[in-house]
Amino acid sequence: MVKCSICGNKIAELFLGKLKGTILRKEGTSKKYHICFDCQKKFKSKAEILKAIK
């Protein structure tokens, strides 16, 4: 199970291990950030999400 990079909640997996959420990357880095649907609703743009990441 993968945890959300913002809130720390577990992200559910769908068929064949796909995540029920989004994966983001900061430009210039290769690190992946997993974001749940609840955090996507709170933060509308990619810039807001990247600022909220712990």
C-alpha atoms as a PDB file:
ATOM      1  CA  MET A   1       0.000   0.000   0.000  1.00  0.00           C
ATOM      2  CA  VAL A   2       1.092   3.505  -0.810  1.00  0.00           C
ATOM      3  CA  LYS A   3       0.472   6.508   1.435  1.00  0.00           C
ATOM      4  CA  CYS A   4      -0.516  10.016   0.365  1.00  0.00           C
ATOM      5  CA  SER A   5       2.408  12.452   0.433  1.00  0.00           C
ATOM      6  CA  ILE A   6       0.230  15.201   1.940  1.00  0.00           C
ATOM      7  CA  CYS A   7      -2.104  13.630   4.516  1.00  0.00           C
ATOM      8  CA  GLY A   8      -0.462  10.234   5.046  1.00  0.00           C
ATOM      9  CA  ASN A   9      -3.622   8.179   4.456  1.00  0.00           C
ATOM     10  CA  LYS A  10      -3.374   4.902   2.579  1.00  0.00           C
ATOM     11  CA  ILE A  11      -4.294   5.053  -1.113  1.00  0.00           C
ATOM     12  CA  ALA A  12      -6.502   2.237  -2.370  1.00  0.00           C
ATOM     13  CA  GLU A  13      -5.357   0.035  -5.209  1.00  0.00           C
ATOM     14  CA  LEU A  14      -7.557  -0.923  -8.139  1.00  0.00           C
ATOM     15  CA  PHE A  15      -7.338  -3.852 -10.535  1.00  0.00           C
ATOM     16  CA  LEU A  16      -3.763  -4.960 -11.367  1.00  0.00           C
ATOM     17  CA  GLY A  17      -2.225  -2.708  -8.703  1.00  0.00           C
ATOM     18  CA  LYS A  18      -3.200   0.648 -10.192  1.00  0.00           C
ATOM     19  CA  LEU A  19      -3.565   3.443  -7.636  1.00  0.00           C
ATOM     20  CA  LYS A  20      -6.813   5.290  -7.001  1.00  0.00           C
ATOM     21  CA  GLY A  21      -5.135   8.685  -7.030  1.00  0.00           C
ATOM     22  CA  THR A  22      -2.469  10.688  -8.867  1.00  0.00           C
ATOM     23  CA  ILE A  23       1.305  10.528  -9.110  1.00  0.00           C
ATOM     24  CA  LEU A  24       3.152  13.861  -9.439  1.00  0.00           C
ATOM     25  CA  ARG A  25       6.780  14.793  -9.978  1.00  0.00           C
ATOM     26  CA  LYS A  26       8.536  18.067  -9.328  1.00  0.00           C
ATOM     27  CA  GLU A  27      10.316  19.409 -12.370  1.00  0.00           C
ATOM     28  CA  GLY A  28      14.012  18.655 -12.293  1.00  0.00           C
ATOM     29  CA  THR A  29      13.706  15.724  -9.877  1.00  0.00           C
ATOM     30  CA  SER A  30      12.832  12.094 -10.320  1.00  0.00           C
ATOM     31  CA  LYS A  31      11.035  11.651  -6.981  1.00  0.00           C
ATOM     32  CA  LYS A  32       7.379  10.611  -7.245  1.00  0.00           C
ATOM     33  CA  TYR A  33       4.648  11.991  -4.968  1.00  0.00           C
ATOM     34  CA  HIS A  34       1.423  10.023  -4.546  1.00  0.00           C
ATOM     35  CA  ILE A  35      -1.714  12.113  -3.961  1.00  0.00           C
ATOM     36  CA  CYS A  36      -5.126  10.788  -2.802  1.00  0.00           C
ATOM     37  CA  PHE A  37      -8.484  11.985  -4.174  1.00  0.00           C
ATOM     38  CA  ASP A  38      -9.358  13.903  -1.000  1.00  0.00           C
ATOM     39  CA  CYS A  39      -6.189  16.008  -1.244  1.00  0.00           C
ATOM     40  CA  GLN A  40      -6.831  16.563  -4.958  1.00  0.00           C
ATOM     41  CA  LYS A  41     -10.218  18.060  -4.049  1.00  0.00           C
ATOM     42  CA  LYS A  42      -8.642  20.386  -1.445  1.00  0.00           C
ATOM     43  CA  PHE A  43      -5.808  21.616  -3.675  1.00  0.00           C
ATOM     44  CA  LYS A  44      -6.979  22.372  -7.205  1.00  0.00           C
ATOM     45  CA  SER A  45      -3.716  23.110  -9.059  1.00  0.00           C
ATOM     46  CA  LYS A  46      -0.411  21.288  -9.316  1.00  0.00           C
ATOM     47  CA  ALA A  47       1.431  24.237  -7.759  1.00  0.00           C
ATOM     48  CA  GLU A  48      -0.818  24.175  -4.667  1.00  0.00           C
ATOM     49  CA  ILE A  49      -0.311  20.419  -4.272  1.00  0.00           C
ATOM     50  CA  LEU A  50       3.462  20.679  -4.517  1.00  0.00           C
ATOM     51  CA  LYS A  51       3.507  23.439  -1.865  1.00  0.00           C
ATOM     52  CA  ALA A  52       1.445  21.277   0.511  1.00  0.00           C
ATOM     53  CA  ILE A  53       3.714  18.216   0.292  1.00  0.00           C
ATOM     54  CA  LYS A  54       5.521  17.433   3.542  1.00  0.00           C
END
